[in-house]
């Protein structure tokens, strides 16, 4: 760890930018969705109808469209093949709602065509959840017990424990990084198929949806940056303490 005047420089360099970007992205999503939620599509197509049109246009017949409560809680589950649209999206005819619905439909299309980053992310889910929950705990526990004279005989095991914690947390970090191409690709697919299927008829609609989806994508960028920041800080902590 690097300190200057009592300040943790590694935290300032790695974690603070991710935190600020995350706060900005969350605010941007809300404000841009609210802005384009007030602008209706020319064809008055709802989010659910847009999703159905896009699924049909891509030859997908085994995905169910369901309504769920909440706002911007939309998601696609590749295991159950259910495309869940929130209250703010399902029956709304706004540019924002249709854009969000199309983005989630983009994930269904990714799944249908076997988009590798999506498949790889699914494979990472179990170990990523485990790594996020206990990775740092194992790494720091291995270091902490290593300071005890009574545990000196177990030092190789404790070093292994630290390395295991780092590896698990690295997998969690990788999950966030792999999420980026998945989300950006889904947005690109969404904008392309909305125009190609005739749901959007002019540039104003496409540009509005792009603004909403771009802001949403920045939340994933912030999450990835935060994961990398935490992993780098944990790595620096373990390396510094090993040199003692």
C-alpha atoms as a PDB file:
ATOM      1  CA  UNK A   1       0.000   0.000   0.000  1.00  0.00           C
ATOM      2  CA  UNK A   2       1.153   3.537  -0.742  1.00  0.00           C
ATOM      3  CA  UNK A   3       0.486   6.374   1.664  1.00  0.00           C
ATOM      4  CA  UNK A   4       1.031  10.108   1.484  1.00  0.00           C
ATOM      5  CA  UNK A   5       0.207  12.350   4.408  1.00  0.00           C
ATOM      6  CA  UNK A   6      -1.892   9.596   5.931  1.00  0.00           C
ATOM      7  CA  UNK A   7      -3.874   9.059   2.722  1.00  0.00           C
ATOM      8  CA  UNK A   8      -4.100   5.649   1.059  1.00  0.00           C
ATOM      9  CA  UNK A   9      -2.943   6.504  -2.463  1.00  0.00           C
ATOM     10  CA  UNK A  10      -3.905   3.114  -3.888  1.00  0.00           C
ATOM     11  CA  UNK A  11      -7.482   3.722  -2.784  1.00  0.00           C
ATOM     12  CA  UNK A  12      -7.468   7.202  -4.317  1.00  0.00           C
ATOM     13  CA  UNK A  13      -5.967   5.975  -7.598  1.00  0.00           C
ATOM     14  CA  UNK A  14      -8.008   2.793  -8.065  1.00  0.00           C
ATOM     15  CA  UNK A  15     -11.218   2.889  -6.029  1.00  0.00           C
ATOM     16  CA  UNK A  16     -12.297   6.536  -6.007  1.00  0.00           C
ATOM     17  CA  UNK A  17     -12.562   6.902  -9.829  1.00  0.00           C
ATOM     18  CA  UNK A  18     -14.705   3.753  -9.975  1.00  0.00           C
ATOM     19  CA  UNK A  19     -16.941   5.061  -7.191  1.00  0.00           C
ATOM     20  CA  UNK A  20     -17.381   8.455  -8.858  1.00  0.00           C
ATOM     21  CA  UNK A  21     -18.069   6.895 -12.256  1.00  0.00           C
ATOM     22  CA  UNK A  22     -20.625   4.570 -10.693  1.00  0.00           C
ATOM     23  CA  UNK A  23     -22.468   7.434  -9.010  1.00  0.00           C
ATOM     24  CA  UNK A  24     -22.455   9.467 -12.216  1.00  0.00           C
ATOM     25  CA  UNK A  25     -23.641   6.505 -14.314  1.00  0.00           C
ATOM     26  CA  UNK A  26     -26.538   5.724 -11.981  1.00  0.00           C
ATOM     27  CA  UNK A  27     -27.651   9.340 -12.096  1.00  0.00           C
ATOM     28  CA  UNK A  28     -27.236   9.447 -15.881  1.00  0.00           C
ATOM     29  CA  UNK A  29     -29.364   6.336 -16.362  1.00  0.00           C
ATOM     30  CA  UNK A  30     -32.196   7.764 -14.276  1.00  0.00           C
ATOM     31  CA  UNK A  31     -32.143  11.201 -15.899  1.00  0.00           C
ATOM     32  CA  UNK A  32     -31.839   9.941 -19.488  1.00  0.00           C
ATOM     33  CA  UNK A  33     -34.465   7.256 -19.012  1.00  0.00           C
ATOM     34  CA  UNK A  34     -36.799   9.875 -17.505  1.00  0.00           C
ATOM     35  CA  UNK A  35     -36.083  12.235 -20.422  1.00  0.00           C
ATOM     36  CA  UNK A  36     -36.866   9.731 -23.172  1.00  0.00           C
ATOM     37  CA  UNK A  37     -39.626   8.037 -21.194  1.00  0.00           C
ATOM     38  CA  UNK A  38     -41.612  11.191 -21.956  1.00  0.00           C
ATOM     39  CA  UNK A  39     -41.052  10.816 -25.714  1.00  0.00           C
ATOM     40  CA  UNK A  40     -43.334   8.310 -27.395  1.00  0.00           C
ATOM     41  CA  UNK A  41     -42.349   6.174 -30.376  1.00  0.00           C
ATOM     42  CA  UNK A  42     -43.949   7.082 -33.695  1.00  0.00           C
ATOM     43  CA  UNK A  43     -45.586   3.671 -34.049  1.00  0.00           C
ATOM     44  CA  UNK A  44     -46.745   3.547 -30.410  1.00  0.00           C
ATOM     45  CA  UNK A  45     -45.180   0.104 -29.926  1.00  0.00           C
ATOM     46  CA  UNK A  46     -44.862  -1.033 -26.305  1.00  0.00           C
ATOM     47  CA  UNK A  47     -41.725  -2.541 -24.833  1.00  0.00           C
ATOM     48  CA  UNK A  48     -43.342  -5.987 -24.748  1.00  0.00           C
ATOM     49  CA  UNK A  49     -44.534  -5.688 -28.338  1.00  0.00           C
ATOM     50  CA  UNK A  50     -41.094  -4.541 -29.480  1.00  0.00           C
ATOM     51  CA  UNK A  51     -39.485  -7.530 -27.769  1.00  0.00           C
ATOM     52  CA  UNK A  52     -41.959  -9.899 -29.446  1.00  0.00           C
ATOM     53  CA  UNK A  53     -41.324  -8.330 -32.859  1.00  0.00           C
ATOM     54  CA  UNK A  54     -37.565  -8.598 -32.487  1.00  0.00           C
ATOM     55  CA  UNK A  55     -37.690 -12.192 -31.237  1.00  0.00           C
ATOM     56  CA  UNK A  56     -39.873 -13.175 -34.178  1.00  0.00           C
ATOM     57  CA  UNK A  57     -37.626 -11.306 -36.641  1.00  0.00           C
ATOM     58  CA  UNK A  58     -34.693 -13.389 -35.398  1.00  0.00           C
ATOM     59  CA  UNK A  59     -36.578 -16.689 -35.548  1.00  0.00           C
ATOM     60  CA  UNK A  60     -36.730 -17.141 -31.766  1.00  0.00           C
ATOM     61  CA  UNK A  61     -39.931 -18.862 -30.660  1.00  0.00           C
ATOM     62  CA  UNK A  62     -38.992 -20.457 -27.330  1.00  0.00           C
ATOM     63  CA  UNK A  63     -38.443 -17.314 -25.239  1.00  0.00           C
ATOM     64  CA  UNK A  64     -41.265 -16.190 -22.942  1.00  0.00           C
ATOM     65  CA  UNK A  65     -41.873 -12.493 -22.299  1.00  0.00           C
ATOM     66  CA  UNK A  66     -42.974 -11.823 -18.719  1.00  0.00           C
ATOM     67  CA  UNK A  67     -43.807  -8.747 -16.671  1.00  0.00           C
ATOM     68  CA  UNK A  68     -42.039  -8.116 -13.367  1.00  0.00           C
ATOM     69  CA  UNK A  69     -42.462  -5.401 -10.786  1.00  0.00           C
ATOM     70  CA  UNK A  70     -40.142  -2.454 -10.362  1.00  0.00           C
ATOM     71  CA  UNK A  71     -38.411   0.074 -12.556  1.00  0.00           C
ATOM     72  CA  UNK A  72     -35.429  -0.848 -14.753  1.00  0.00           C
ATOM     73  CA  UNK A  73     -35.346  -4.353 -13.304  1.00  0.00           C
ATOM     74  CA  UNK A  74     -35.448  -5.813 -16.813  1.00  0.00           C
ATOM     75  CA  UNK A  75     -33.407  -8.947 -17.484  1.00  0.00           C
ATOM     76  CA  UNK A  76     -33.057 -12.056 -19.612  1.00  0.00           C
ATOM     77  CA  UNK A  77     -32.540 -15.442 -17.967  1.00  0.00           C
ATOM     78  CA  UNK A  78     -30.768 -17.836 -20.368  1.00  0.00           C
ATOM     79  CA  UNK A  79     -31.516 -20.819 -18.115  1.00  0.00           C
ATOM     80  CA  UNK A  80     -35.317 -20.422 -18.128  1.00  0.00           C
ATOM     81  CA  UNK A  81     -35.405 -18.493 -21.413  1.00  0.00           C
ATOM     82  CA  UNK A  82     -37.604 -15.833 -19.859  1.00  0.00           C
ATOM     83  CA  UNK A  83     -37.334 -12.204 -20.948  1.00  0.00           C
ATOM     84  CA  UNK A  84     -38.560 -10.193 -17.965  1.00  0.00           C
ATOM     85  CA  UNK A  85     -39.649  -6.607 -18.538  1.00  0.00           C
ATOM     86  CA  UNK A  86     -40.321  -4.245 -15.653  1.00  0.00           C
ATOM     87  CA  UNK A  87     -43.411  -2.126 -15.069  1.00  0.00           C
ATOM     88  CA  UNK A  88     -41.550   0.869 -16.513  1.00  0.00           C
ATOM     89  CA  UNK A  89     -40.886  -1.015 -19.756  1.00  0.00           C
ATOM     90  CA  UNK A  90     -43.522  -3.664 -20.431  1.00  0.00           C
ATOM     91  CA  UNK A  91     -46.526  -1.561 -21.470  1.00  0.00           C
ATOM     92  CA  UNK A  92     -44.800   1.750 -22.119  1.00  0.00           C
ATOM     93  CA  UNK A  93     -44.557   3.108 -25.669  1.00  0.00           C
ATOM     94  CA  UNK A  94     -41.691   5.473 -24.900  1.00  0.00           C
ATOM     95  CA  UNK A  95     -38.347   5.493 -26.718  1.00  0.00           C
ATOM     96  CA  UNK A  96     -36.597   4.657 -23.449  1.00  0.00           C
ATOM     97  CA  UNK A  97     -38.805   1.649 -22.704  1.00  0.00           C
ATOM     98  CA  UNK A  98     -38.518   0.217 -26.203  1.00  0.00           C
ATOM     99  CA  UNK A  99     -34.746   0.715 -26.129  1.00  0.00           C
ATOM    100  CA  UNK A 100     -34.406  -1.157 -22.828  1.00  0.00           C
ATOM    101  CA  UNK A 101     -36.698  -3.963 -24.028  1.00  0.00           C
ATOM    102  CA  UNK A 102     -34.645  -4.286 -27.216  1.00  0.00           C
ATOM    103  CA  UNK A 103     -31.420  -4.437 -25.207  1.00  0.00           C
ATOM    104  CA  UNK A 104     -32.699  -7.371 -23.153  1.00  0.00           C
ATOM    105  CA  UNK A 105     -33.922  -8.998 -26.361  1.00  0.00           C
ATOM    106  CA  UNK A 106     -30.358  -8.571 -27.599  1.00  0.00           C
ATOM    107  CA  UNK A 107     -29.269 -10.930 -24.803  1.00  0.00           C
ATOM    108  CA  UNK A 108     -31.840 -13.488 -25.946  1.00  0.00           C
ATOM    109  CA  UNK A 109     -30.441 -13.222 -29.477  1.00  0.00           C
ATOM    110  CA  UNK A 110     -26.903 -13.627 -28.131  1.00  0.00           C
ATOM    111  CA  UNK A 111     -28.013 -16.791 -26.381  1.00  0.00           C
ATOM    112  CA  UNK A 112     -29.737 -18.083 -29.505  1.00  0.00           C
ATOM    113  CA  UNK A 113     -26.672 -17.612 -31.726  1.00  0.00           C
ATOM    114  CA  UNK A 114     -24.229 -18.919 -29.127  1.00  0.00           C
ATOM    115  CA  UNK A 115     -22.409 -15.632 -28.494  1.00  0.00           C
ATOM    116  CA  UNK A 116     -19.237 -16.812 -26.732  1.00  0.00           C
ATOM    117  CA  UNK A 117     -18.776 -14.009 -24.148  1.00  0.00           C
ATOM    118  CA  UNK A 118     -22.318 -14.640 -22.891  1.00  0.00           C
ATOM    119  CA  UNK A 119     -21.656 -18.389 -22.599  1.00  0.00           C
ATOM    120  CA  UNK A 120     -18.334 -17.749 -20.895  1.00  0.00           C
ATOM    121  CA  UNK A 121     -19.948 -15.361 -18.410  1.00  0.00           C
ATOM    122  CA  UNK A 122     -22.530 -18.016 -17.515  1.00  0.00           C
ATOM    123  CA  UNK A 123     -19.704 -20.467 -16.824  1.00  0.00           C
ATOM    124  CA  UNK A 124     -18.067 -17.946 -14.498  1.00  0.00           C
ATOM    125  CA  UNK A 125     -21.174 -17.251 -12.396  1.00  0.00           C
ATOM    126  CA  UNK A 126     -20.708 -19.938  -9.676  1.00  0.00           C
ATOM    127  CA  UNK A 127     -17.001 -19.316  -9.087  1.00  0.00           C
ATOM    128  CA  UNK A 128     -17.470 -15.539  -9.436  1.00  0.00           C
ATOM    129  CA  UNK A 129     -20.152 -15.533  -6.723  1.00  0.00           C
ATOM    130  CA  UNK A 130     -17.893 -17.615  -4.500  1.00  0.00           C
ATOM    131  CA  UNK A 131     -14.867 -15.445  -5.236  1.00  0.00           C
ATOM    132  CA  UNK A 132     -16.707 -12.221  -4.542  1.00  0.00           C
ATOM    133  CA  UNK A 133     -18.020 -13.537  -1.216  1.00  0.00           C
ATOM    134  CA  UNK A 134     -14.986 -15.277   0.271  1.00  0.00           C
ATOM    135  CA  UNK A 135     -11.989 -14.500  -1.977  1.00  0.00           C
ATOM    136  CA  UNK A 136     -10.785 -11.431  -0.033  1.00  0.00           C
ATOM    137  CA  UNK A 137     -11.588 -13.145   3.284  1.00  0.00           C
ATOM    138  CA  UNK A 138      -9.390 -16.143   2.456  1.00  0.00           C
ATOM    139  CA  UNK A 139      -6.551 -13.971   1.151  1.00  0.00           C
ATOM    140  CA  UNK A 140      -6.485 -11.694   4.190  1.00  0.00           C
ATOM    141  CA  UNK A 141      -7.036 -14.586   6.617  1.00  0.00           C
ATOM    142  CA  UNK A 142      -4.009 -16.364   5.196  1.00  0.00           C
ATOM    143  CA  UNK A 143      -1.932 -13.238   5.711  1.00  0.00           C
ATOM    144  CA  UNK A 144      -3.293 -12.554   9.180  1.00  0.00           C
ATOM    145  CA  UNK A 145      -2.628 -16.007  10.557  1.00  0.00           C
ATOM    146  CA  UNK A 146       0.790 -15.949   8.921  1.00  0.00           C
ATOM    147  CA  UNK A 147       1.879 -13.282  11.422  1.00  0.00           C
ATOM    148  CA  UNK A 148       1.282 -15.614  14.349  1.00  0.00           C
ATOM    149  CA  UNK A 149       4.368 -17.412  15.647  1.00  0.00           C
ATOM    150  CA  UNK A 150       2.167 -20.340  16.661  1.00  0.00           C
ATOM    151  CA  UNK A 151       1.117 -20.755  13.015  1.00  0.00           C
ATOM    152  CA  UNK A 152       4.618 -20.690  11.568  1.00  0.00           C
ATOM    153  CA  UNK A 153       4.554 -24.428  10.920  1.00  0.00           C
ATOM    154  CA  UNK A 154       1.456 -23.923   8.776  1.00  0.00           C
ATOM    155  CA  UNK A 155       2.972 -21.113   6.700  1.00  0.00           C
ATOM    156  CA  UNK A 156       2.915 -23.053   3.374  1.00  0.00           C
ATOM    157  CA  UNK A 157      -0.788 -23.810   3.902  1.00  0.00           C
ATOM    158  CA  UNK A 158      -1.511 -20.191   4.796  1.00  0.00           C
ATOM    159  CA  UNK A 159       0.291 -18.998   1.667  1.00  0.00           C
ATOM    160  CA  UNK A 160      -1.790 -21.454  -0.341  1.00  0.00           C
ATOM    161  CA  UNK A 161      -4.905 -20.065   1.348  1.00  0.00           C
ATOM    162  CA  UNK A 162      -3.910 -16.527   0.360  1.00  0.00           C
ATOM    163  CA  UNK A 163      -3.251 -17.572  -3.226  1.00  0.00           C
ATOM    164  CA  UNK A 164      -6.593 -19.387  -3.391  1.00  0.00           C
ATOM    165  CA  UNK A 165      -8.366 -16.261  -2.167  1.00  0.00           C
ATOM    166  CA  UNK A 166      -6.614 -14.169  -4.819  1.00  0.00           C
ATOM    167  CA  UNK A 167      -7.510 -16.652  -7.549  1.00  0.00           C
ATOM    168  CA  UNK A 168     -11.166 -16.721  -6.532  1.00  0.00           C
ATOM    169  CA  UNK A 169     -11.353 -12.932  -6.399  1.00  0.00           C
ATOM    170  CA  UNK A 170      -9.609 -12.778  -9.803  1.00  0.00           C
ATOM    171  CA  UNK A 171     -12.428 -14.916 -11.223  1.00  0.00           C
ATOM    172  CA  UNK A 172     -14.995 -12.511  -9.779  1.00  0.00           C
ATOM    173  CA  UNK A 173     -13.102  -9.615 -11.389  1.00  0.00           C
ATOM    174  CA  UNK A 174     -12.971 -11.478 -14.700  1.00  0.00           C
ATOM    175  CA  UNK A 175     -16.759 -11.873 -14.563  1.00  0.00           C
ATOM    176  CA  UNK A 176     -17.183  -8.101 -14.459  1.00  0.00           C
ATOM    177  CA  UNK A 177     -14.748  -7.635 -17.339  1.00  0.00           C
ATOM    178  CA  UNK A 178     -16.470 -10.252 -19.526  1.00  0.00           C
ATOM    179  CA  UNK A 179     -19.787  -8.528 -18.810  1.00  0.00           C
ATOM    180  CA  UNK A 180     -18.609  -5.456 -20.749  1.00  0.00           C
ATOM    181  CA  UNK A 181     -18.569  -6.980 -24.272  1.00  0.00           C
ATOM    182  CA  UNK A 182     -21.824  -8.800 -23.463  1.00  0.00           C
ATOM    183  CA  UNK A 183     -23.639  -5.578 -22.557  1.00  0.00           C
ATOM    184  CA  UNK A 184     -22.147  -3.405 -25.308  1.00  0.00           C
ATOM    185  CA  UNK A 185     -22.885  -6.057 -27.927  1.00  0.00           C
ATOM    186  CA  UNK A 186     -26.491  -6.370 -26.731  1.00  0.00           C
ATOM    187  CA  UNK A 187     -26.950  -2.611 -27.079  1.00  0.00           C
ATOM    188  CA  UNK A 188     -25.470  -2.600 -30.594  1.00  0.00           C
ATOM    189  CA  UNK A 189     -27.768  -5.446 -31.572  1.00  0.00           C
ATOM    190  CA  UNK A 190     -30.734  -3.627 -30.048  1.00  0.00           C
ATOM    191  CA  UNK A 191     -30.208  -0.409 -32.004  1.00  0.00           C
ATOM    192  CA  UNK A 192     -29.574  -2.279 -35.246  1.00  0.00           C
ATOM    193  CA  UNK A 193     -32.592  -4.564 -35.038  1.00  0.00           C
ATOM    194  CA  UNK A 194     -34.952  -1.791 -33.888  1.00  0.00           C
ATOM    195  CA  UNK A 195     -34.285   0.062 -37.106  1.00  0.00           C
ATOM    196  CA  UNK A 196     -34.139  -3.052 -39.262  1.00  0.00           C
ATOM    197  CA  UNK A 197     -37.463  -4.369 -37.963  1.00  0.00           C
ATOM    198  CA  UNK A 198     -39.152  -1.005 -38.507  1.00  0.00           C
ATOM    199  CA  UNK A 199     -39.922  -0.379 -34.818  1.00  0.00           C
ATOM    200  CA  UNK A 200     -37.973   2.877 -34.977  1.00  0.00           C
ATOM    201  CA  UNK A 201     -38.657   5.019 -38.011  1.00  0.00           C
ATOM    202  CA  UNK A 202     -36.318   7.981 -37.639  1.00  0.00           C
ATOM    203  CA  UNK A 203     -32.957   9.052 -36.254  1.00  0.00           C
ATOM    204  CA  UNK A 204     -34.467  10.853 -33.247  1.00  0.00           C
ATOM    205  CA  UNK A 205     -35.813   7.578 -31.869  1.00  0.00           C
ATOM    206  CA  UNK A 206     -32.544   5.732 -32.480  1.00  0.00           C
ATOM    207  CA  UNK A 207     -30.445   8.508 -30.934  1.00  0.00           C
ATOM    208  CA  UNK A 208     -32.713   8.654 -27.876  1.00  0.00           C
ATOM    209  CA  UNK A 209     -32.440   4.926 -27.274  1.00  0.00           C
ATOM    210  CA  UNK A 210     -28.670   5.120 -27.802  1.00  0.00           C
ATOM    211  CA  UNK A 211     -28.365   7.758 -25.069  1.00  0.00           C
ATOM    212  CA  UNK A 212     -30.285   5.609 -22.596  1.00  0.00           C
ATOM    213  CA  UNK A 213     -28.359   2.421 -23.397  1.00  0.00           C
ATOM    214  CA  UNK A 214     -25.002   4.190 -23.362  1.00  0.00           C
ATOM    215  CA  UNK A 215     -25.663   5.534 -19.865  1.00  0.00           C
ATOM    216  CA  UNK A 216     -26.723   2.052 -18.739  1.00  0.00           C
ATOM    217  CA  UNK A 217     -23.513   0.597 -20.204  1.00  0.00           C
ATOM    218  CA  UNK A 218     -21.467   3.018 -18.130  1.00  0.00           C
ATOM    219  CA  UNK A 219     -22.812   1.406 -14.953  1.00  0.00           C
ATOM    220  CA  UNK A 220     -21.187  -1.850 -16.073  1.00  0.00           C
ATOM    221  CA  UNK A 221     -17.964  -0.024 -16.861  1.00  0.00           C
ATOM    222  CA  UNK A 222     -18.001   1.423 -13.343  1.00  0.00           C
ATOM    223  CA  UNK A 223     -18.628  -2.017 -11.824  1.00  0.00           C
ATOM    224  CA  UNK A 224     -15.749  -3.511 -13.813  1.00  0.00           C
ATOM    225  CA  UNK A 225     -13.434  -0.670 -12.845  1.00  0.00           C
ATOM    226  CA  UNK A 226     -14.423  -1.097  -9.203  1.00  0.00           C
ATOM    227  CA  UNK A 227     -13.750  -4.841  -9.336  1.00  0.00           C
ATOM    228  CA  UNK A 228     -10.332  -4.295 -10.904  1.00  0.00           C
ATOM    229  CA  UNK A 229      -9.551  -1.601  -8.332  1.00  0.00           C
ATOM    230  CA  UNK A 230     -10.415  -3.871  -5.407  1.00  0.00           C
ATOM    231  CA  UNK A 231      -8.423  -6.760  -6.866  1.00  0.00           C
ATOM    232  CA  UNK A 232      -5.348  -4.578  -7.441  1.00  0.00           C
ATOM    233  CA  UNK A 233      -5.554  -3.224  -3.889  1.00  0.00           C
ATOM    234  CA  UNK A 234      -5.880  -6.750  -2.472  1.00  0.00           C
ATOM    235  CA  UNK A 235      -2.917  -7.874  -4.572  1.00  0.00           C
ATOM    236  CA  UNK A 236      -0.822  -4.949  -3.343  1.00  0.00           C
ATOM    237  CA  UNK A 237      -1.733  -5.708   0.277  1.00  0.00           C
ATOM    238  CA  UNK A 238      -0.714  -9.358  -0.026  1.00  0.00           C
ATOM    239  CA  UNK A 239       2.536  -8.591  -1.825  1.00  0.00           C
ATOM    240  CA  UNK A 240       3.554  -5.924   0.663  1.00  0.00           C
ATOM    241  CA  UNK A 241       2.883  -8.125   3.656  1.00  0.00           C
ATOM    242  CA  UNK A 242       4.713 -11.081   2.123  1.00  0.00           C
ATOM    243  CA  UNK A 243       7.870  -8.977   1.870  1.00  0.00           C
ATOM    244  CA  UNK A 244       7.842  -8.259   5.606  1.00  0.00           C
END
